[in-house]
Protein backbone atom coordinates (compact mmCIF):
# COMPACT_ATOMS: atom_id res chain seq x y z
CA MET A 1 50.80 88.54 -93.27
CA SER A 2 52.68 88.57 -96.55
CA ASP A 3 52.71 91.76 -98.60
CA GLN A 4 51.85 91.03 -102.23
CA ARG A 5 51.84 94.63 -103.45
CA PRO A 6 53.94 95.38 -106.57
CA ILE A 7 57.48 96.64 -106.01
CA LEU A 8 58.13 100.35 -106.62
CA THR A 9 60.67 100.89 -109.42
CA THR A 10 62.21 103.67 -111.47
CA ARG A 11 61.22 103.99 -115.12
CA GLN A 12 64.44 102.20 -115.93
CA GLY A 13 62.97 99.17 -114.12
CA HIS A 14 65.31 99.46 -111.15
CA PRO A 15 63.75 98.55 -107.79
CA VAL A 16 63.47 101.52 -105.44
CA ARG A 17 64.87 100.30 -102.14
CA ASP A 18 64.54 103.62 -100.31
CA ASN A 19 61.92 106.20 -101.27
CA GLN A 20 62.18 108.20 -98.06
CA SER A 21 65.45 110.13 -98.14
CA LEU A 22 67.97 111.76 -100.42
CA ARG A 23 71.50 110.41 -100.41
CA THR A 24 73.60 112.82 -98.36
CA VAL A 25 77.07 113.02 -96.88
CA GLY A 26 76.20 112.17 -93.31
CA GLU A 27 72.82 112.89 -91.76
CA ARG A 28 73.18 116.66 -92.04
CA GLY A 29 75.52 116.89 -95.02
CA PRO A 30 74.80 118.10 -98.54
CA ALA A 31 72.94 116.08 -101.14
CA THR A 32 75.01 114.65 -103.96
CA LEU A 33 74.62 115.05 -107.71
CA GLU A 34 74.39 111.30 -108.28
CA ASN A 35 70.96 111.16 -106.61
CA TYR A 36 69.68 109.61 -109.86
CA GLN A 37 66.51 108.18 -108.36
CA PHE A 38 65.57 111.59 -106.98
CA ILE A 39 66.54 113.44 -110.18
CA GLU A 40 64.41 111.11 -112.33
CA LYS A 41 61.50 111.45 -109.92
CA ILE A 42 61.58 115.22 -109.47
CA THR A 43 62.30 116.19 -113.08
CA HIS A 44 59.39 114.07 -114.29
CA PHE A 45 57.20 115.64 -111.61
CA ASP A 46 58.27 119.09 -112.85
CA ARG A 47 56.79 118.21 -116.24
CA GLU A 48 53.41 116.84 -115.17
CA ARG A 49 51.47 119.90 -116.31
CA ILE A 50 51.47 121.82 -119.60
CA PRO A 51 51.64 124.79 -119.49
CA GLU A 52 50.13 125.46 -116.07
CA ARG A 53 52.38 125.31 -113.03
CA VAL A 54 52.26 121.92 -111.32
CA VAL A 55 51.96 123.74 -108.00
CA HIS A 56 51.21 127.41 -107.28
CA ALA A 57 49.10 127.66 -110.44
CA ARG A 58 46.65 130.25 -109.07
CA GLY A 59 48.49 133.50 -108.46
CA ALA A 60 48.62 137.27 -108.47
CA GLY A 61 51.57 139.62 -108.53
CA ALA A 62 52.74 143.17 -108.04
CA HIS A 63 55.84 145.31 -108.51
CA GLY A 64 57.51 147.31 -105.80
CA TYR A 65 60.78 148.06 -104.10
CA PHE A 66 62.94 147.02 -101.16
CA GLU A 67 64.86 149.36 -98.86
CA ALA A 68 67.52 147.99 -96.54
CA TYR A 69 67.98 149.45 -93.07
CA GLY A 70 71.72 148.70 -93.33
CA THR A 71 71.43 146.99 -89.96
CA ILE A 72 70.35 143.60 -88.71
CA GLY A 73 68.79 143.86 -85.30
CA GLY A 74 70.51 147.17 -84.63
CA GLU A 75 73.99 145.97 -85.62
CA PRO A 76 75.68 146.73 -88.95
CA ALA A 77 74.43 144.23 -91.54
CA SER A 78 78.06 143.76 -92.62
CA LYS A 79 78.66 141.85 -89.37
CA TYR A 80 76.67 138.99 -90.88
CA THR A 81 76.64 139.41 -94.65
CA ARG A 82 78.51 141.07 -97.49
CA ALA A 83 75.33 141.13 -99.62
CA ARG A 84 75.05 144.70 -100.90
CA VAL A 85 71.24 144.51 -101.04
CA LEU A 86 71.14 144.22 -97.23
CA ASN A 87 73.95 146.69 -96.52
CA GLU A 88 73.33 149.71 -98.73
CA THR A 89 70.85 152.27 -97.43
CA GLY A 90 69.08 154.87 -99.55
CA VAL A 91 68.72 152.40 -102.43
CA LYS A 92 65.32 151.28 -103.71
CA THR A 93 65.91 147.81 -105.10
CA PRO A 94 63.19 146.91 -107.67
CA MET A 95 61.13 143.84 -106.78
CA PHE A 96 58.40 141.64 -108.13
CA VAL A 97 56.26 139.50 -105.83
CA ARG A 98 53.99 136.63 -106.81
CA PHE A 99 51.39 135.37 -104.32
CA SER A 100 49.69 132.06 -104.98
CA THR A 101 47.86 129.02 -103.71
CA VAL A 102 49.61 125.65 -103.90
CA ALA A 103 47.35 122.74 -104.80
CA GLY A 104 44.56 124.33 -106.83
CA ALA A 105 44.43 124.85 -110.58
CA LYS A 106 44.84 128.22 -112.30
CA GLU A 107 41.16 129.18 -111.93
CA SER A 108 40.66 127.72 -108.44
CA PRO A 109 39.19 129.99 -105.72
CA GLU A 110 41.49 132.16 -103.64
CA THR A 111 39.51 131.18 -100.54
CA ALA A 112 40.93 127.64 -100.66
CA ARG A 113 42.44 126.15 -97.52
CA ASP A 114 45.97 125.89 -98.82
CA PRO A 115 49.43 127.29 -98.10
CA ARG A 116 50.02 130.58 -99.90
CA GLY A 117 53.13 131.04 -101.98
CA PHE A 118 55.13 134.19 -101.23
CA ALA A 119 57.78 134.42 -103.97
CA VAL A 120 59.96 137.53 -104.11
CA LYS A 121 62.41 138.56 -106.84
CA PHE A 122 64.91 141.22 -105.77
CA LYS A 123 66.50 142.85 -108.83
CA THR A 124 69.69 143.93 -107.11
CA VAL A 125 72.75 145.70 -108.52
CA ASP A 126 74.54 142.35 -108.20
CA GLY A 127 71.86 140.43 -110.12
CA ASN A 128 68.67 138.73 -109.04
CA TRP A 129 67.93 137.22 -105.66
CA ASP A 130 64.84 135.01 -105.46
CA LEU A 131 63.37 134.27 -102.04
CA VAL A 132 60.72 131.64 -102.70
CA GLY A 133 58.61 130.83 -99.66
CA ASN A 134 55.14 130.50 -98.16
CA ASN A 135 52.91 132.39 -95.75
CA LEU A 136 53.28 129.62 -93.15
CA LYS A 137 56.73 129.31 -91.60
CA VAL A 138 57.03 125.51 -91.70
CA PHE A 139 56.37 122.77 -94.24
CA PHE A 140 54.90 119.26 -94.42
CA ILE A 141 58.09 117.33 -95.18
CA ARG A 142 61.81 117.72 -94.54
CA ASP A 143 63.25 115.68 -97.41
CA ALA A 144 62.76 116.76 -101.03
CA ILE A 145 62.46 113.21 -102.33
CA LYS A 146 58.96 113.10 -100.76
CA PHE A 147 57.69 116.22 -102.56
CA PRO A 148 56.09 114.48 -105.57
CA ASP A 149 54.39 111.98 -103.23
CA MET A 150 53.09 114.77 -101.02
CA ILE A 151 51.66 116.79 -103.91
CA HIS A 152 50.14 113.70 -105.52
CA ALA A 153 48.36 112.95 -102.24
CA PHE A 154 47.10 116.53 -101.91
CA LYS A 155 46.08 116.98 -105.57
CA PRO A 156 42.88 115.49 -107.03
CA ASP A 157 42.48 111.72 -107.09
CA PRO A 158 43.72 110.39 -110.48
CA VAL A 159 40.48 108.40 -110.86
CA THR A 160 37.79 110.73 -109.49
CA ASN A 161 39.59 114.06 -110.14
CA ARG A 162 38.49 115.17 -106.65
CA GLN A 163 40.63 116.21 -103.73
CA GLU A 164 39.96 113.52 -101.14
CA ALA A 165 40.59 113.95 -97.42
CA TRP A 166 41.55 110.29 -97.01
CA ARG A 167 44.39 110.64 -99.52
CA PHE A 168 45.76 113.72 -97.76
CA PHE A 169 45.68 112.07 -94.33
CA ASP A 170 46.89 108.73 -95.62
CA PHE A 171 50.12 110.50 -96.53
CA VAL A 172 50.27 112.64 -93.39
CA ALA A 173 49.66 109.65 -91.11
CA ALA A 174 53.01 108.20 -92.18
CA HIS A 175 54.90 111.46 -91.55
CA PRO A 176 54.80 112.69 -87.93
CA GLU A 177 56.76 115.79 -88.90
CA SER A 178 53.70 116.88 -90.95
CA ILE A 179 51.48 117.32 -87.86
CA HIS A 180 52.97 120.75 -87.17
CA MET A 181 52.07 122.06 -90.64
CA VAL A 182 48.65 120.36 -90.55
CA THR A 183 47.90 122.16 -87.28
CA HIS A 184 48.66 125.47 -88.98
CA LEU A 185 46.84 124.63 -92.22
CA LYS A 186 43.59 123.31 -90.76
CA SER A 187 43.25 126.31 -88.46
CA PRO A 188 42.15 129.75 -89.73
CA TRP A 189 45.83 130.36 -90.59
CA GLY A 190 45.22 128.04 -93.55
CA ILE A 191 43.00 130.69 -95.19
CA PRO A 192 44.58 134.16 -95.12
CA ALA A 193 41.99 136.91 -95.50
CA ASN A 194 43.93 138.35 -98.46
CA TYR A 195 47.50 138.75 -99.67
CA ARG A 196 48.11 142.12 -97.99
CA GLU A 197 47.36 140.84 -94.48
CA MET A 198 49.52 137.75 -94.77
CA GLU A 199 52.93 136.85 -93.41
CA GLY A 200 55.70 135.49 -95.60
CA SER A 201 58.62 133.22 -94.84
CA GLY A 202 61.55 131.74 -96.73
CA VAL A 203 60.72 128.52 -94.76
CA ASN A 204 64.10 126.93 -95.53
CA THR A 205 67.35 127.63 -93.72
CA TYR A 206 69.95 129.68 -95.57
CA LYS A 207 73.32 131.14 -94.61
CA LEU A 208 74.57 134.70 -94.39
CA VAL A 209 78.28 135.07 -95.20
CA ASN A 210 80.32 138.16 -94.33
CA ASP A 211 83.50 139.56 -95.91
CA GLN A 212 85.63 137.49 -93.54
CA GLY A 213 84.15 134.25 -94.88
CA VAL A 214 82.22 133.64 -91.64
CA ALA A 215 78.75 132.10 -92.03
CA HIS A 216 75.63 132.13 -89.85
CA LEU A 217 72.50 130.05 -90.34
CA CYS A 218 69.44 132.19 -90.97
CA LYS A 219 65.75 132.22 -91.76
CA PHE A 220 63.97 135.06 -93.58
CA HIS A 221 60.54 136.45 -92.67
CA TRP A 222 58.08 139.08 -93.94
CA THR A 223 55.69 140.74 -91.44
CA PRO A 224 52.82 142.79 -92.93
CA LYS A 225 52.50 146.29 -91.51
CA GLN A 226 48.78 146.04 -92.30
CA GLY A 227 48.49 143.34 -89.62
CA VAL A 228 47.58 139.67 -90.02
CA ARG A 229 44.02 138.48 -90.63
CA ASN A 230 42.70 134.99 -91.38
CA LEU A 231 39.31 133.45 -92.20
CA THR A 232 37.26 130.64 -90.69
CA SER A 233 35.79 128.04 -93.04
CA ALA A 234 32.38 129.70 -92.79
CA GLN A 235 33.75 133.14 -93.64
CA ALA A 236 35.70 131.74 -96.61
CA ALA A 237 32.61 129.92 -97.92
CA GLU A 238 30.59 133.13 -97.78
CA ILE A 239 33.23 135.04 -99.78
CA GLN A 240 33.68 132.20 -102.28
CA GLY A 241 29.94 132.25 -102.99
CA ARG A 242 30.30 135.66 -104.60
CA ASP A 243 33.97 135.98 -105.65
CA VAL A 244 36.63 133.36 -106.43
CA GLY A 245 39.33 136.01 -106.95
CA HIS A 246 38.80 138.22 -103.93
CA ALA A 247 42.48 138.35 -102.89
CA THR A 248 43.67 139.56 -106.29
CA LYS A 249 40.92 142.21 -106.31
CA ASP A 250 41.89 143.35 -102.82
CA LEU A 251 45.56 143.65 -103.77
CA TYR A 252 44.97 145.51 -107.03
CA ASP A 253 42.25 147.80 -105.64
CA ASN A 254 44.40 148.88 -102.71
CA ILE A 255 47.43 149.60 -104.88
CA ALA A 256 45.23 151.59 -107.30
CA ALA A 257 43.90 153.61 -104.35
CA GLY A 258 47.41 154.39 -103.12
CA ASN A 259 47.16 152.09 -100.09
CA PHE A 260 50.49 150.47 -100.88
CA PRO A 261 50.95 147.27 -98.86
CA GLU A 262 54.18 147.08 -96.89
CA TRP A 263 56.10 144.35 -95.12
CA GLU A 264 59.06 144.48 -92.75
CA PHE A 265 61.86 142.08 -93.63
CA ALA A 266 63.57 140.29 -90.75
CA VAL A 267 66.01 137.46 -90.20
CA GLN A 268 66.58 134.93 -87.47
CA ILE A 269 70.23 134.06 -86.93
CA MET A 270 72.13 131.29 -85.18
CA PRO A 271 75.75 130.11 -85.35
CA ASP A 272 76.65 127.81 -88.22
CA GLY A 273 76.98 124.17 -87.24
CA PRO A 274 74.84 121.35 -85.86
CA ASN A 275 73.72 123.29 -82.75
CA ASP A 276 73.38 120.01 -80.88
CA HIS A 277 71.98 121.73 -77.77
CA LEU A 278 68.67 122.24 -79.60
CA SER A 279 65.89 119.63 -79.48
CA PHE A 280 65.37 120.09 -83.23
CA ASP A 281 67.67 120.32 -86.22
CA PRO A 282 67.78 123.94 -87.48
CA LEU A 283 67.96 122.52 -91.02
CA ASP A 284 64.56 120.83 -90.54
CA ASP A 285 61.94 122.95 -92.33
CA THR A 286 59.08 121.34 -90.38
CA LYS A 287 60.30 123.23 -87.29
CA LEU A 288 60.15 126.81 -86.12
CA TRP A 289 63.11 128.56 -84.54
CA PRO A 290 61.65 129.81 -81.24
CA VAL A 291 61.67 133.62 -81.30
CA ASP A 292 62.56 133.82 -77.61
CA GLN A 293 65.90 132.18 -78.47
CA PHE A 294 66.28 133.50 -82.02
CA PRO A 295 64.45 136.83 -82.28
CA LEU A 296 63.26 138.38 -85.52
CA LEU A 297 65.91 140.97 -86.40
CA PRO A 298 64.57 143.72 -88.73
CA CYS A 299 66.76 144.48 -91.74
CA GLY A 300 64.55 146.22 -94.33
CA ARG A 301 61.13 146.86 -95.76
CA MET A 302 59.22 146.05 -98.94
CA VAL A 303 56.53 148.19 -100.55
CA LEU A 304 54.29 147.11 -103.45
CA ASP A 305 53.17 150.10 -105.50
CA ARG A 306 52.40 148.95 -109.05
CA VAL A 307 50.26 146.24 -110.62
CA PRO A 308 51.38 144.45 -113.81
CA ASP A 309 50.46 146.00 -117.14
CA ASN A 310 49.93 142.50 -118.51
CA PHE A 311 48.98 139.62 -116.23
CA PHE A 312 50.37 136.89 -118.47
CA ALA A 313 53.67 138.60 -119.21
CA ASP A 314 54.46 139.31 -115.57
CA VAL A 315 52.49 136.96 -113.30
CA GLU A 316 52.27 133.82 -115.43
CA GLN A 317 55.73 134.07 -116.98
CA SER A 318 57.48 135.10 -113.76
CA ALA A 319 59.83 132.30 -112.78
CA PHE A 320 61.55 131.86 -109.45
CA GLY A 321 64.23 129.53 -108.15
CA THR A 322 65.71 128.91 -104.70
CA GLY A 323 69.15 128.66 -106.30
CA VAL A 324 69.06 132.32 -107.36
CA LEU A 325 71.20 133.91 -104.63
CA VAL A 326 73.56 136.89 -104.49
CA ASP A 327 77.02 136.98 -102.97
CA GLY A 328 76.74 137.06 -99.19
CA ILE A 329 73.72 134.71 -99.09
CA ASP A 330 74.39 131.01 -99.39
CA PHE A 331 72.79 127.58 -99.21
CA SER A 332 72.52 125.46 -96.11
CA ASP A 333 72.25 121.66 -96.20
CA ASP A 334 68.50 121.83 -95.56
CA LYS A 335 67.36 118.80 -97.58
CA MET A 336 64.25 120.53 -98.88
CA LEU A 337 66.29 123.52 -100.01
CA GLN A 338 68.80 121.26 -101.77
CA GLY A 339 66.03 119.50 -103.69
CA ARG A 340 64.07 122.68 -104.45
CA THR A 341 67.17 124.26 -105.94
CA LEU A 342 67.24 121.61 -108.67
CA SER A 343 63.48 121.36 -109.10
CA TYR A 344 62.48 125.02 -109.39
CA SER A 345 64.83 126.04 -112.17
CA ASP A 346 64.24 122.74 -113.95
CA THR A 347 60.49 123.39 -113.84
CA GLN A 348 60.87 126.88 -115.28
CA ARG A 349 63.00 125.70 -118.20
CA TYR A 350 60.33 123.17 -118.99
CA ARG A 351 57.25 125.33 -118.36
CA VAL A 352 58.39 128.67 -119.81
CA GLY A 353 61.36 127.54 -121.88
CA PRO A 354 65.15 127.30 -121.74
CA ASN A 355 65.44 131.05 -122.28
CA TYR A 356 62.97 132.11 -119.58
CA LEU A 357 65.65 134.35 -118.05
CA GLN A 358 65.61 136.54 -121.18
CA LEU A 359 62.00 137.59 -120.47
CA PRO A 360 61.83 141.10 -118.97
CA ILE A 361 60.01 139.93 -115.82
CA ASN A 362 62.81 137.47 -115.04
CA ALA A 363 65.85 139.31 -116.39
CA PRO A 364 68.09 141.28 -114.02
CA ALA A 365 67.47 144.99 -113.51
CA PRO A 366 68.43 147.33 -116.39
CA GLY A 367 72.05 148.26 -116.02
CA VAL A 368 73.09 144.84 -114.70
CA LYS A 369 75.14 143.36 -117.51
CA THR A 370 74.90 139.64 -118.28
CA ALA A 371 77.54 137.75 -120.22
CA THR A 372 77.30 133.98 -120.61
CA ASN A 373 78.39 131.30 -123.01
CA GLN A 374 74.88 129.86 -123.11
CA ARG A 375 73.45 129.67 -126.60
CA ASP A 376 70.38 128.85 -128.61
CA GLY A 377 67.40 126.79 -127.43
CA GLN A 378 63.73 127.47 -128.11
CA MET A 379 62.65 131.11 -128.28
CA THR A 380 66.10 132.67 -128.10
CA PHE A 381 65.59 136.31 -129.03
CA TYR A 382 69.00 137.78 -128.28
CA VAL A 383 72.53 136.58 -127.66
CA ASP A 384 73.81 137.16 -124.13
CA GLY A 385 76.74 139.50 -123.73
CA VAL A 386 79.95 138.06 -125.19
CA GLY A 387 83.65 138.82 -125.14
CA GLU A 388 85.55 140.77 -127.74
CA ASN A 389 85.76 137.76 -130.06
CA LYS A 390 82.31 136.49 -131.08
CA HIS A 391 83.82 133.20 -132.24
CA ILE A 392 84.78 132.22 -128.68
CA ASN A 393 81.75 130.98 -126.75
CA TYR A 394 83.74 128.91 -124.28
CA GLU A 395 86.06 129.52 -121.33
CA PRO A 396 89.00 129.66 -120.91
CA SER A 397 90.66 130.74 -124.14
CA THR A 398 94.43 130.41 -124.47
CA ILE A 399 94.55 133.51 -126.69
CA GLY A 400 93.14 135.68 -123.91
CA GLN A 401 89.81 136.46 -125.51
CA GLY A 402 86.23 135.59 -124.66
CA LEU A 403 84.82 135.81 -121.13
CA ARG A 404 86.76 135.43 -117.90
CA GLU A 405 85.91 134.44 -114.36
CA ALA A 406 85.02 137.12 -111.84
CA PRO A 407 87.54 137.88 -109.08
CA LYS A 408 87.15 135.63 -106.06
CA PRO A 409 86.30 137.12 -102.63
CA ALA A 410 89.27 137.87 -100.42
CA LYS A 411 87.99 135.34 -97.90
CA GLU A 412 85.67 132.58 -99.06
CA TYR A 413 83.40 130.48 -96.88
CA HIS A 414 84.45 126.83 -96.83
CA GLN A 415 82.09 124.46 -95.06
CA PRO A 416 83.65 121.35 -93.53
CA VAL A 417 81.87 118.17 -94.64
CA GLU A 418 82.39 114.69 -93.28
CA GLY A 419 80.17 111.63 -93.25
CA GLN A 420 79.19 108.38 -94.87
CA LEU A 421 77.16 108.61 -98.06
CA GLY A 422 73.69 107.24 -97.42
CA ARG A 423 69.97 107.84 -97.00
CA TYR A 424 69.33 109.11 -93.50
CA GLN A 425 66.44 109.79 -91.19
CA THR A 426 66.52 112.97 -89.14
CA SER A 427 67.64 111.93 -85.67
CA ARG A 428 66.39 114.96 -83.71
CA THR A 429 62.70 114.08 -83.79
CA GLU A 430 61.52 114.87 -80.26
CA ASP A 431 59.92 118.13 -81.42
CA ASP A 432 57.87 116.52 -84.22
CA TYR A 433 54.96 116.60 -81.76
CA THR A 434 56.16 119.24 -79.29
CA GLN A 435 55.99 122.18 -81.69
CA ALA A 436 52.57 121.08 -83.02
CA GLY A 437 51.29 121.04 -79.43
CA VAL A 438 52.77 124.45 -78.71
CA ARG A 439 51.07 125.81 -81.81
CA TYR A 440 47.71 124.27 -80.80
CA ARG A 441 47.89 125.83 -77.33
CA SER A 442 48.90 129.21 -78.77
CA PHE A 443 45.62 129.51 -80.71
CA GLU A 444 42.72 131.48 -79.36
CA GLU A 445 39.68 129.36 -78.56
CA TRP A 446 37.85 130.37 -81.76
CA GLU A 447 40.88 129.25 -83.77
CA ARG A 448 40.98 125.90 -81.96
CA GLU A 449 37.27 125.43 -82.57
CA ASP A 450 37.68 126.03 -86.29
CA LEU A 451 40.72 123.71 -86.40
CA ILE A 452 38.83 120.90 -84.65
CA ALA A 453 35.74 121.36 -86.82
CA ASN A 454 37.81 121.14 -90.00
CA LEU A 455 39.68 118.04 -88.83
CA VAL A 456 36.48 116.34 -87.63
CA ALA A 457 34.90 116.86 -91.06
CA ASP A 458 38.02 115.40 -92.72
CA MET A 459 38.25 112.42 -90.34
CA LYS A 460 34.67 111.43 -91.14
CA GLU A 461 35.79 110.90 -94.76
CA CYS A 462 38.71 108.66 -93.81
CA PRO A 463 38.80 104.89 -93.21
CA GLU A 464 39.26 103.75 -89.62
CA ALA A 465 42.96 102.95 -89.92
CA ILE A 466 43.73 106.53 -90.94
CA GLN A 467 41.35 107.96 -88.33
CA LEU A 468 43.03 106.06 -85.51
CA ARG A 469 46.56 106.95 -86.56
CA MET A 470 45.71 110.63 -86.97
CA VAL A 471 44.07 110.81 -83.53
CA TRP A 472 47.19 109.07 -82.17
CA HIS A 473 49.31 111.83 -83.72
CA PHE A 474 47.09 114.65 -82.46
CA TRP A 475 46.94 113.17 -78.95
CA HIS A 476 50.72 112.98 -78.74
CA ALA A 477 50.94 116.63 -79.80
CA ASP A 478 48.39 117.65 -77.14
CA GLU A 479 45.97 115.43 -75.21
CA ASP A 480 43.11 117.94 -75.53
CA TYR A 481 43.81 118.18 -79.26
CA GLY A 482 43.50 114.43 -79.81
CA ARG A 483 40.52 114.03 -77.49
CA ARG A 484 38.47 116.75 -79.17
CA VAL A 485 39.10 115.36 -82.67
CA ALA A 486 38.22 111.84 -81.51
CA GLU A 487 35.02 112.92 -79.77
CA GLY A 488 33.90 115.11 -82.65
CA ALA A 489 34.44 112.40 -85.28
CA GLY A 490 33.22 109.47 -83.13
CA ILE A 491 36.64 107.78 -83.04
CA ASP A 492 37.62 105.41 -80.22
CA LEU A 493 40.31 107.41 -78.39
CA GLU A 494 41.54 104.48 -76.30
CA LYS A 495 41.91 102.31 -79.40
CA ALA A 496 43.89 105.09 -81.06
CA LYS A 497 46.15 105.60 -78.03
CA ALA A 498 46.92 101.86 -78.00
CA LEU A 499 48.59 102.00 -81.43
CA PRO A 500 52.34 101.32 -81.46
CA PRO A 501 54.80 103.91 -82.82
CA LEU A 502 55.26 103.97 -86.57
CA PRO A 503 57.66 101.24 -87.76
CA GLY A 504 61.24 102.45 -88.07
CA ARG A 505 60.44 105.80 -86.48
CA ALA A 506 61.41 107.18 -83.09
CA ALA A 507 58.61 107.09 -80.52
CA PRO A 508 56.87 110.43 -79.84
CA GLY A 509 59.03 112.76 -77.76
CA GLN A 510 62.18 110.76 -78.44
CA ARG A 511 65.10 111.03 -80.83
CA LEU A 512 67.08 108.38 -82.62
CA LYS A 513 70.14 107.32 -80.64
CA ALA A 514 72.61 107.84 -83.48
CA GLU A 515 72.78 108.72 -87.17
CA THR A 516 70.33 106.24 -88.65
CA TYR A 517 69.67 105.17 -92.20
CA THR A 518 66.05 105.00 -93.31
CA ASP A 519 66.15 101.20 -93.05
CA GLY A 520 66.72 101.58 -89.32
CA SER A 521 70.41 100.60 -89.23
CA GLN A 522 72.84 102.93 -87.50
CA ALA A 523 75.57 104.56 -89.52
CA HIS A 524 78.34 103.91 -87.02
CA LYS A 525 77.57 100.18 -87.01
CA VAL A 526 77.90 100.03 -90.78
CA ALA A 527 81.24 101.82 -90.55
CA ALA A 528 82.57 99.26 -88.06
CA GLU A 529 81.77 96.28 -90.24
């Protein structure tokens, strides 16, 4: 059957031949700056709302401090990182934390079934470090080029202005890696009871770098010392009937009463490199690192002890970015992290303004001097620190004035990179269903019942093609999982099981045989031609 749908293009009129993957150096290599199609797509997406955040619009925040243990899992933190904020004990590093929901508008209820943002700004002696994550430890997609599509599918329908289950699952059905996150989200873990009793995670993979220039892959996690508590759909509906801002009230009331919420900060660590022995790619943010292989290693604690004096000034104008790192913490080639690093700061310059870093909530801690050659722009209200000659706002200067570069570390980290430039699929896909099944079986029966009830209600709002494909996905994650959704929603399980694998994708439980472009061709074959 011929496909007569219009061709997807850029706004320049160029046909989009691959809307699935960033261009990277090899399958696992870094993204490149000439990703024009992605840059046009994501920077327009960043500007879709004025002045409300496009995502994470509903939020609450609090001030506090971080104290490092000086160790990581009982060993000196310096073994893994030269970051002072994780090495120096007896120092209370000021922090600001913003909690949020993702898809809802600024006045949406805090009982919504939605990932919760967990964005942390450390105001360290070496400048700011932003750790921008969620309460759930995985995500829906593993390539940043899909982020605008994902949010469009999850946001209200552009015609009806209603969030529609069929749109959500129409997108998910084409992305097997999303089943893991969906299993989390549609269970009670999709509605945390409040912000205090909620986990946090950096989600993406970063690197710790020590003073010898040696790097380790890592993931960051926050564990609440108050314990973790979630809500069923019925419990959330009861709360929403009387209070749409219950989580903010709970946070502020407890801080006012002196019940300061506290989280332990921990990292998971593995050697830098592809780690080919694993059945998943550690750079894939749709996957968990199993704690039996990569334990949570405590390295500090966070305490929130003060609410903002002005909600707008602190909570609404607070601006975070995944590119805001301190020396000793570095990027990995996680494709979501690479894309977020462009998108987040771009969004803030659009939403708050080009000088958003001059606002007190976003500026470094008092005593941390800033000196840049950046000038002007809307709402400039002071000139950044300059050199001895105010006429020189550039670098370098042959007359030895103006600003200079900071000294380089004695031993820098240099990542080897090799590969063909292209748009790649992730080849290690066998755990796209495995980890979702593990998560399903780890739930208590009441959590499984709530998960199934939520999915059954959603499936009843979807057309048959989406129903069948989603049951196919659930069944491959766990046979009981798929069967219970099918029976509850009146979907023909045998018809669903008979579906073929998604075109161009590895079959469930399998991986691609070699580095593969998103059109299905193998990279090594292209190289030989």
